[in-house]
Amino acid sequence: MKYFIAGFLLIAVTLSYTFSQSKRHNFESLLSIKAGYHTAYTHGIGIASISNANIPHGFSADINAEIHTGKNWYIGFNYDLSFGNETAYDQYLQRNIERSFTIHQYSPIVKYRFPLKKGNIYTALGIGGSKVYASYGNSGSHIDVLVMYNLRAGGEYYLNNWAMLSLETVFIEAGEIDFGGGGRNYRFFQFKTGIVFILK
């Protein structure tokens, strides 16, 4: 989490130099497609088993639709896909197993853009749900449905009148609602790039 906070502070410093020269660019609707890498999440001591919540690093992609609501505010909906796999030693079975995860995440988002001369810097918050499909080779599989939130920070550069290049960092955390403090959970970062289409 401290790295994400540091990223927001870096954006704030950048804005202090550029915001006074910025021009305002508002769009009625946008559609973005991005892809990249997500970090791993290691829970506890990292023992691989059917009950383990560790998630290996891997590939992420998302599609995001937004509409302009006033000033530099946008609301939208985000679908995010993440997956990864690894070979890990299971201490209970005393052999290596293939672990694979596919994570579908859905969230409404609220985004604020800081307009610059040749693009934008933005921050966003999303709250929604996550469905995790986990497979452990011949040892079994399971599906978890979790509550999820995500924090986003990124930049956009104008390519032409209908498209922007986008770079984005996302912090995602998800877990079961359990007032006793248990339940499955995960958190990781995503680093993605893609194209934002200016539809109107």
C-alpha atoms as a PDB file:
ATOM      1  CA  MET A   1       0.000   0.000   0.000  1.00  0.00           C
ATOM      2  CA  LYS A   2       2.897   2.383   0.722  1.00  0.00           C
ATOM      3  CA  TYR A   3       4.009   2.160  -2.928  1.00  0.00           C
ATOM      4  CA  PHE A   4       0.567   3.193  -4.114  1.00  0.00           C
ATOM      5  CA  ILE A   5       0.585   6.192  -1.750  1.00  0.00           C
ATOM      6  CA  ALA A   6       4.023   7.142  -3.072  1.00  0.00           C
ATOM      7  CA  GLY A   7       2.606   7.018  -6.601  1.00  0.00           C
ATOM      8  CA  PHE A   8      -0.177   9.426  -5.680  1.00  0.00           C
ATOM      9  CA  LEU A   9       2.379  11.800  -4.117  1.00  0.00           C
ATOM     10  CA  LEU A  10       4.412  11.684  -7.326  1.00  0.00           C
ATOM     11  CA  ILE A  11       1.327  12.630  -9.314  1.00  0.00           C
ATOM     12  CA  ALA A  12       0.665  15.537  -6.949  1.00  0.00           C
ATOM     13  CA  VAL A  13       4.209  16.846  -7.480  1.00  0.00           C
ATOM     14  CA  THR A  14       3.804  16.564 -11.247  1.00  0.00           C
ATOM     15  CA  LEU A  15       0.530  18.477 -11.102  1.00  0.00           C
ATOM     16  CA  SER A  16       2.139  21.314  -9.167  1.00  0.00           C
ATOM     17  CA  TYR A  17       4.386  21.994 -12.186  1.00  0.00           C
ATOM     18  CA  THR A  18       1.912  21.397 -15.005  1.00  0.00           C
ATOM     19  CA  PHE A  19      -1.586  22.272 -13.846  1.00  0.00           C
ATOM     20  CA  SER A  20      -1.127  26.033 -14.275  1.00  0.00           C
ATOM     21  CA  GLN A  21      -0.429  25.450 -17.992  1.00  0.00           C
ATOM     22  CA  SER A  22      -3.155  22.873 -18.537  1.00  0.00           C
ATOM     23  CA  LYS A  23      -6.086  23.076 -20.892  1.00  0.00           C
ATOM     24  CA  ARG A  24      -9.445  21.576 -20.175  1.00  0.00           C
ATOM     25  CA  HIS A  25     -10.476  18.516 -22.196  1.00  0.00           C
ATOM     26  CA  ASN A  26     -13.837  16.951 -21.416  1.00  0.00           C
ATOM     27  CA  PHE A  27     -15.357  14.077 -23.381  1.00  0.00           C
ATOM     28  CA  GLU A  28     -18.917  12.821 -23.350  1.00  0.00           C
ATOM     29  CA  SER A  29     -18.012   9.118 -23.515  1.00  0.00           C
ATOM     30  CA  LEU A  30     -14.868   6.985 -23.562  1.00  0.00           C
ATOM     31  CA  LEU A  31     -13.980   3.329 -24.053  1.00  0.00           C
ATOM     32  CA  SER A  32     -10.579   1.939 -23.021  1.00  0.00           C
ATOM     33  CA  ILE A  33      -8.835  -1.410 -23.452  1.00  0.00           C
ATOM     34  CA  LYS A  34      -5.642  -2.135 -21.519  1.00  0.00           C
ATOM     35  CA  ALA A  35      -3.397  -5.105 -20.755  1.00  0.00           C
ATOM     36  CA  GLY A  36      -0.337  -5.806 -18.647  1.00  0.00           C
ATOM     37  CA  TYR A  37       1.059  -7.561 -15.573  1.00  0.00           C
ATOM     38  CA  HIS A  38      -0.188  -8.229 -12.051  1.00  0.00           C
ATOM     39  CA  THR A  39       1.984  -8.984  -9.038  1.00  0.00           C
ATOM     40  CA  ALA A  40       1.701 -12.094  -6.870  1.00  0.00           C
ATOM     41  CA  TYR A  41      -0.030 -12.317  -3.510  1.00  0.00           C
ATOM     42  CA  THR A  42       1.558 -14.549  -0.843  1.00  0.00           C
ATOM     43  CA  HIS A  43      -0.590 -15.328   2.176  1.00  0.00           C
ATOM     44  CA  GLY A  44       1.032 -16.575   5.378  1.00  0.00           C
ATOM     45  CA  ILE A  45       4.089 -18.789   4.875  1.00  0.00           C
ATOM     46  CA  GLY A  46       3.218 -19.640   1.300  1.00  0.00           C
ATOM     47  CA  ILE A  47       2.412 -23.354   1.563  1.00  0.00           C
ATOM     48  CA  ALA A  48       0.723 -24.576  -1.615  1.00  0.00           C
ATOM     49  CA  SER A  49      -2.447 -26.538  -0.968  1.00  0.00           C
ATOM     50  CA  ILE A  50      -6.132 -26.670  -1.863  1.00  0.00           C
ATOM     51  CA  SER A  51      -6.893 -24.327   1.039  1.00  0.00           C
ATOM     52  CA  ASN A  52      -4.122 -21.863   0.255  1.00  0.00           C
ATOM     53  CA  ALA A  53      -4.986 -18.319  -0.860  1.00  0.00           C
ATOM     54  CA  ASN A  54      -1.716 -17.503  -2.635  1.00  0.00           C
ATOM     55  CA  ILE A  55      -2.099 -16.062  -6.123  1.00  0.00           C
ATOM     56  CA  PRO A  56       0.813 -16.245  -8.608  1.00  0.00           C
ATOM     57  CA  HIS A  57       1.797 -13.269 -10.728  1.00  0.00           C
ATOM     58  CA  GLY A  58       0.512 -13.197 -14.279  1.00  0.00           C
ATOM     59  CA  PHE A  59      -1.382 -11.395 -17.031  1.00  0.00           C
ATOM     60  CA  SER A  60      -4.130  -8.792 -16.605  1.00  0.00           C
ATOM     61  CA  ALA A  61      -6.473  -7.065 -19.055  1.00  0.00           C
ATOM     62  CA  ASP A  62      -9.495  -4.843 -18.727  1.00  0.00           C
ATOM     63  CA  ILE A  63     -12.171  -2.948 -20.615  1.00  0.00           C
ATOM     64  CA  ASN A  64     -13.631   0.249 -19.228  1.00  0.00           C
ATOM     65  CA  ALA A  65     -16.553   2.446 -20.360  1.00  0.00           C
ATOM     66  CA  GLU A  66     -17.052   5.984 -19.009  1.00  0.00           C
ATOM     67  CA  ILE A  67     -19.392   8.943 -19.396  1.00  0.00           C
ATOM     68  CA  HIS A  68     -18.756  12.569 -18.460  1.00  0.00           C
ATOM     69  CA  THR A  69     -20.858  13.883 -15.554  1.00  0.00           C
ATOM     70  CA  GLY A  70     -19.565  17.440 -15.172  1.00  0.00           C
ATOM     71  CA  LYS A  71     -16.320  19.368 -14.718  1.00  0.00           C
ATOM     72  CA  ASN A  72     -13.601  16.705 -14.893  1.00  0.00           C
ATOM     73  CA  TRP A  73     -15.642  13.932 -13.240  1.00  0.00           C
ATOM     74  CA  TYR A  74     -16.533  10.655 -14.970  1.00  0.00           C
ATOM     75  CA  ILE A  75     -18.464   7.586 -13.934  1.00  0.00           C
ATOM     76  CA  GLY A  76     -18.121   4.218 -15.594  1.00  0.00           C
ATOM     77  CA  PHE A  77     -17.991   0.452 -15.372  1.00  0.00           C
ATOM     78  CA  ASN A  78     -14.873  -1.706 -15.409  1.00  0.00           C
ATOM     79  CA  TYR A  79     -14.398  -5.394 -16.202  1.00  0.00           C
ATOM     80  CA  ASP A  80     -11.012  -6.813 -15.269  1.00  0.00           C
ATOM     81  CA  LEU A  81      -9.521 -10.240 -16.056  1.00  0.00           C
ATOM     82  CA  SER A  82      -6.417 -11.570 -14.297  1.00  0.00           C
ATOM     83  CA  PHE A  83      -4.853 -15.001 -14.445  1.00  0.00           C
ATOM     84  CA  GLY A  84      -1.660 -16.765 -13.489  1.00  0.00           C
ATOM     85  CA  ASN A  85      -0.249 -20.232 -12.849  1.00  0.00           C
ATOM     86  CA  GLU A  86       2.733 -21.837 -11.169  1.00  0.00           C
ATOM     87  CA  THR A  87       4.221 -25.134 -10.030  1.00  0.00           C
ATOM     88  CA  ALA A  88       4.441 -25.330  -6.231  1.00  0.00           C
ATOM     89  CA  TYR A  89       5.292 -27.979  -3.661  1.00  0.00           C
ATOM     90  CA  ASP A  90       2.357 -29.171  -1.555  1.00  0.00           C
ATOM     91  CA  GLN A  91       3.615 -30.178   1.893  1.00  0.00           C
ATOM     92  CA  TYR A  92       0.462 -32.175   2.634  1.00  0.00           C
ATOM     93  CA  LEU A  93       0.600 -34.223  -0.592  1.00  0.00           C
ATOM     94  CA  GLN A  94       4.416 -34.136  -0.608  1.00  0.00           C
ATOM     95  CA  ARG A  95       4.634 -33.476  -4.324  1.00  0.00           C
ATOM     96  CA  ASN A  96       4.533 -30.626  -6.812  1.00  0.00           C
ATOM     97  CA  ILE A  97       1.130 -29.429  -7.993  1.00  0.00           C
ATOM     98  CA  GLU A  98       0.062 -27.087 -10.774  1.00  0.00           C
ATOM     99  CA  ARG A  99      -1.824 -24.095  -9.375  1.00  0.00           C
ATOM    100  CA  SER A 100      -3.793 -21.809 -11.672  1.00  0.00           C
ATOM    101  CA  PHE A 101      -6.126 -18.884 -11.009  1.00  0.00           C
ATOM    102  CA  THR A 102      -8.552 -16.938 -13.180  1.00  0.00           C
ATOM    103  CA  ILE A 103     -10.059 -13.838 -11.588  1.00  0.00           C
ATOM    104  CA  HIS A 104     -13.038 -11.905 -12.991  1.00  0.00           C
ATOM    105  CA  GLN A 105     -13.590  -8.502 -11.379  1.00  0.00           C
ATOM    106  CA  TYR A 106     -16.500  -6.115 -11.957  1.00  0.00           C
ATOM    107  CA  SER A 107     -16.843  -2.622 -10.509  1.00  0.00           C
ATOM    108  CA  PRO A 108     -18.552   0.716 -11.089  1.00  0.00           C
ATOM    109  CA  ILE A 109     -15.898   3.437 -10.934  1.00  0.00           C
ATOM    110  CA  VAL A 110     -15.658   7.161 -10.240  1.00  0.00           C
ATOM    111  CA  LYS A 111     -12.771   8.943 -11.993  1.00  0.00           C
ATOM    112  CA  TYR A 112     -11.352  12.460 -11.882  1.00  0.00           C
ATOM    113  CA  ARG A 113      -9.095  13.750 -14.669  1.00  0.00           C
ATOM    114  CA  PHE A 114      -6.508  16.493 -14.245  1.00  0.00           C
ATOM    115  CA  PRO A 115      -6.127  17.960 -17.768  1.00  0.00           C
ATOM    116  CA  LEU A 116      -2.639  18.746 -19.067  1.00  0.00           C
ATOM    117  CA  LYS A 117      -1.432  20.261 -22.338  1.00  0.00           C
ATOM    118  CA  LYS A 118      -1.027  16.979 -24.197  1.00  0.00           C
ATOM    119  CA  GLY A 119      -3.094  14.606 -22.104  1.00  0.00           C
ATOM    120  CA  ASN A 120      -4.466  13.911 -18.648  1.00  0.00           C
ATOM    121  CA  ILE A 121      -3.510  12.502 -15.269  1.00  0.00           C
ATOM    122  CA  TYR A 122      -6.297  10.740 -13.370  1.00  0.00           C
ATOM    123  CA  THR A 123      -7.235   8.949 -10.199  1.00  0.00           C
ATOM    124  CA  ALA A 124     -10.202   6.611  -9.734  1.00  0.00           C
ATOM    125  CA  LEU A 125     -11.986   4.443  -7.199  1.00  0.00           C
ATOM    126  CA  GLY A 126     -14.037   1.333  -7.901  1.00  0.00           C
ATOM    127  CA  ILE A 127     -16.084  -0.901  -5.586  1.00  0.00           C
ATOM    128  CA  GLY A 128     -17.590  -4.152  -6.795  1.00  0.00           C
ATOM    129  CA  GLY A 129     -17.199  -7.911  -6.821  1.00  0.00           C
ATOM    130  CA  SER A 130     -14.662 -10.560  -7.711  1.00  0.00           C
ATOM    131  CA  LYS A 131     -15.073 -14.189  -8.757  1.00  0.00           C
ATOM    132  CA  VAL A 132     -11.966 -16.364  -8.363  1.00  0.00           C
ATOM    133  CA  TYR A 133     -11.650 -19.714 -10.163  1.00  0.00           C
ATOM    134  CA  ALA A 134      -8.807 -21.725  -8.602  1.00  0.00           C
ATOM    135  CA  SER A 135      -7.504 -25.076  -9.826  1.00  0.00           C
ATOM    136  CA  TYR A 136      -4.938 -27.318  -8.079  1.00  0.00           C
ATOM    137  CA  GLY A 137      -4.243 -29.988 -10.677  1.00  0.00           C
ATOM    138  CA  ASN A 138      -5.697 -33.345  -9.567  1.00  0.00           C
ATOM    139  CA  SER A 139      -6.123 -32.034  -6.016  1.00  0.00           C
ATOM    140  CA  GLY A 140      -9.352 -30.184  -6.754  1.00  0.00           C
ATOM    141  CA  SER A 141     -10.702 -26.734  -7.499  1.00  0.00           C
ATOM    142  CA  HIS A 142     -12.987 -24.128  -5.999  1.00  0.00           C
ATOM    143  CA  ILE A 143     -14.758 -20.840  -6.768  1.00  0.00           C
ATOM    144  CA  ASP A 144     -14.784 -17.829  -4.425  1.00  0.00           C
ATOM    145  CA  VAL A 145     -17.074 -14.817  -4.723  1.00  0.00           C
ATOM    146  CA  LEU A 146     -15.559 -11.817  -2.920  1.00  0.00           C
ATOM    147  CA  VAL A 147     -16.159  -8.120  -2.299  1.00  0.00           C
ATOM    148  CA  MET A 148     -13.526  -6.020  -4.054  1.00  0.00           C
ATOM    149  CA  TYR A 149     -12.293  -2.435  -4.314  1.00  0.00           C
ATOM    150  CA  ASN A 150      -9.648  -0.911  -6.552  1.00  0.00           C
ATOM    151  CA  LEU A 151      -7.638   2.331  -6.558  1.00  0.00           C
ATOM    152  CA  ARG A 152      -6.318   3.593  -9.894  1.00  0.00           C
ATOM    153  CA  ALA A 153      -3.802   6.216 -10.984  1.00  0.00           C
ATOM    154  CA  GLY A 154      -2.695   6.809 -14.530  1.00  0.00           C
ATOM    155  CA  GLY A 155      -1.814   9.093 -17.385  1.00  0.00           C
ATOM    156  CA  GLU A 156      -3.149   9.605 -20.907  1.00  0.00           C
ATOM    157  CA  TYR A 157      -1.414  11.074 -23.958  1.00  0.00           C
ATOM    158  CA  TYR A 158      -3.307  12.322 -27.015  1.00  0.00           C
ATOM    159  CA  LEU A 159      -2.506  10.362 -30.165  1.00  0.00           C
ATOM    160  CA  ASN A 160      -5.118  12.161 -32.287  1.00  0.00           C
ATOM    161  CA  ASN A 161      -8.678  13.485 -31.966  1.00  0.00           C
ATOM    162  CA  TRP A 162     -10.189  10.076 -31.263  1.00  0.00           C
ATOM    163  CA  ALA A 163      -7.602   8.110 -29.255  1.00  0.00           C
ATOM    164  CA  MET A 164      -5.208   8.416 -26.309  1.00  0.00           C
ATOM    165  CA  LEU A 165      -2.356   6.195 -25.102  1.00  0.00           C
ATOM    166  CA  SER A 166      -2.910   5.182 -21.471  1.00  0.00           C
ATOM    167  CA  LEU A 167      -0.549   3.997 -18.716  1.00  0.00           C
ATOM    168  CA  GLU A 168      -2.143   2.832 -15.461  1.00  0.00           C
ATOM    169  CA  THR A 169      -1.280   1.432 -12.040  1.00  0.00           C
ATOM    170  CA  VAL A 170      -4.025  -0.316 -10.046  1.00  0.00           C
ATOM    171  CA  PHE A 171      -4.133  -1.542  -6.452  1.00  0.00           C
ATOM    172  CA  ILE A 172      -6.782  -4.245  -5.922  1.00  0.00           C
ATOM    173  CA  GLU A 173      -7.928  -5.811  -2.671  1.00  0.00           C
ATOM    174  CA  ALA A 174     -10.705  -8.380  -2.273  1.00  0.00           C
ATOM    175  CA  GLY A 175     -12.015 -10.577   0.508  1.00  0.00           C
ATOM    176  CA  GLU A 176     -14.927 -12.385   2.071  1.00  0.00           C
ATOM    177  CA  ILE A 177     -17.112 -10.473   4.500  1.00  0.00           C
ATOM    178  CA  ASP A 178     -16.193 -12.140   7.772  1.00  0.00           C
ATOM    179  CA  PHE A 179     -16.556 -10.202  11.015  1.00  0.00           C
ATOM    180  CA  GLY A 180     -14.476 -12.841  12.783  1.00  0.00           C
ATOM    181  CA  GLY A 181     -11.415 -11.844  10.799  1.00  0.00           C
ATOM    182  CA  GLY A 182     -11.133 -15.020   8.698  1.00  0.00           C
ATOM    183  CA  GLY A 183     -12.118 -15.775   5.122  1.00  0.00           C
ATOM    184  CA  ARG A 184     -10.210 -15.745   1.881  1.00  0.00           C
ATOM    185  CA  ASN A 185      -8.662 -12.548   0.609  1.00  0.00           C
ATOM    186  CA  TYR A 186      -6.062 -11.264  -1.811  1.00  0.00           C
ATOM    187  CA  ARG A 187      -4.416  -8.027  -2.888  1.00  0.00           C
ATOM    188  CA  PHE A 188      -2.039  -7.153  -5.702  1.00  0.00           C
ATOM    189  CA  PHE A 189      -0.908  -4.414  -8.079  1.00  0.00           C
ATOM    190  CA  GLN A 190      -1.498  -4.207 -11.816  1.00  0.00           C
ATOM    191  CA  PHE A 191       0.620  -2.300 -14.345  1.00  0.00           C
ATOM    192  CA  LYS A 192      -1.142  -1.858 -17.676  1.00  0.00           C
ATOM    193  CA  THR A 193      -1.053   0.062 -20.927  1.00  0.00           C
ATOM    194  CA  GLY A 194      -3.585   0.455 -23.691  1.00  0.00           C
ATOM    195  CA  ILE A 195      -5.733   2.720 -25.837  1.00  0.00           C
ATOM    196  CA  VAL A 196      -8.565   5.036 -24.786  1.00  0.00           C
ATOM    197  CA  PHE A 197     -11.084   5.656 -27.590  1.00  0.00           C
ATOM    198  CA  ILE A 198     -12.849   9.026 -27.555  1.00  0.00           C
ATOM    199  CA  LEU A 199     -16.356   8.134 -28.712  1.00  0.00           C
ATOM    200  CA  LYS A 200     -18.009  11.556 -28.427  1.00  0.00           C
END
